[in-house]
Amino acid sequence: MISTPRSLLASLLVVSVLAVSCSGGGSAVSSSPEASPTTNSAPQQSPGTSGGGVTTTSPDSIRSSPSTTLAPPSTAEASPPPEPTDSETRLVTESFDSPGPGTWDPADFEAEAGGSGSVEVQFDAGWMTIDPEGSSEWARAASLASSDTDAELIVSLTSRGSGFGSAFIGLRTDGEWQDAVPYMPHRGLVVEYEFTPGTGGGLTLYELSGGATTILATGIGPELPEAETVWIRFQVVGTTARLRVWHDGSPEPDTWTLESPVTLAVDGFLTLALRDDPGAAVSWDDLVLYGDSEAQVG
């Protein structure tokens, strides 16, 4: 399923079950801009346009303040964050250290939501929620710092709601959001993590360019029921993109859950997004974006 940045360099940061290919990429599957490469009934795609903003949502429905009263987390804080793969430059470091309610740091991110979505800092984490009383909508954030193509992201993700949904992480994006699919960047490499209860953690790696979507790899990550936390390491170095996901409290695996060759090389903005059912909610924490990666991809 696919789910939706802001003005380039002036704003940004946003945040699945297909059986195609896992590690090594396999044969890529291309879809037209109108096709939705997911199993749920996501809205149809049409080509994004750079610098386009969001045209499918009226200005009055875009907001960054919470739409509902959020319940405090019922679990303990996540384990200390993993170390970077190699010596790298920290571009963005965000631990959301505030009881809230508040906004994501505007010095690092541009965060916004459409319709019944919301983005805020609550209970020392960066929350994205879809109002249980509202319709299927989106929440997103994008970094203001570019990783200059090569990048590594380490972040924890916790499911905070009972609804199904998908979280999206983009690296090497151009910092522009699609008009018709406002939780997806116009260009970049995006991982979709589907956390529908009972289905496992479906993962899909997409390449987006000029409105066209290509599926590079698919796999299954840890299931993410309500109140559970996973760690995500997403790395794009040279012509390789790879990702692994593991439960908080477990050792980081040595193998990659998804890995694929890539050819796309644009600016390295980070995007995070959430979309899908009313009641879906996630929180991000201990986020570090590294640039100019020296990690060897072998």
Foldseek 3Di string as FASTA:
>chain_A
DDFAFAAALQFWAWKAADPDAFAAQPDKDWDALQDDPHDDPDHGGFAFDFPPPADVFDPVFKDAAAPDDADAFPDDDFDPWDDDQDDFAWDDWAFLPDQDFAADPRQFKDKMWGHQWHWGRHNRWTKIAGALPTFWIKIKMKTSDWQQFWKKKKKKKAWAFLAWWKIKKWWLARRGMGHRRHHDGNFTWMWIWTQNPPPATKIWIWTHYRSMIMTRHIFGAGHHHHSWMKMKMWTDDDQKTFIHIDTGPDDGDPDTGHMYGHDDHHITMMMMMMTDGHGTMMTMRRMIMTHPDPRDDD
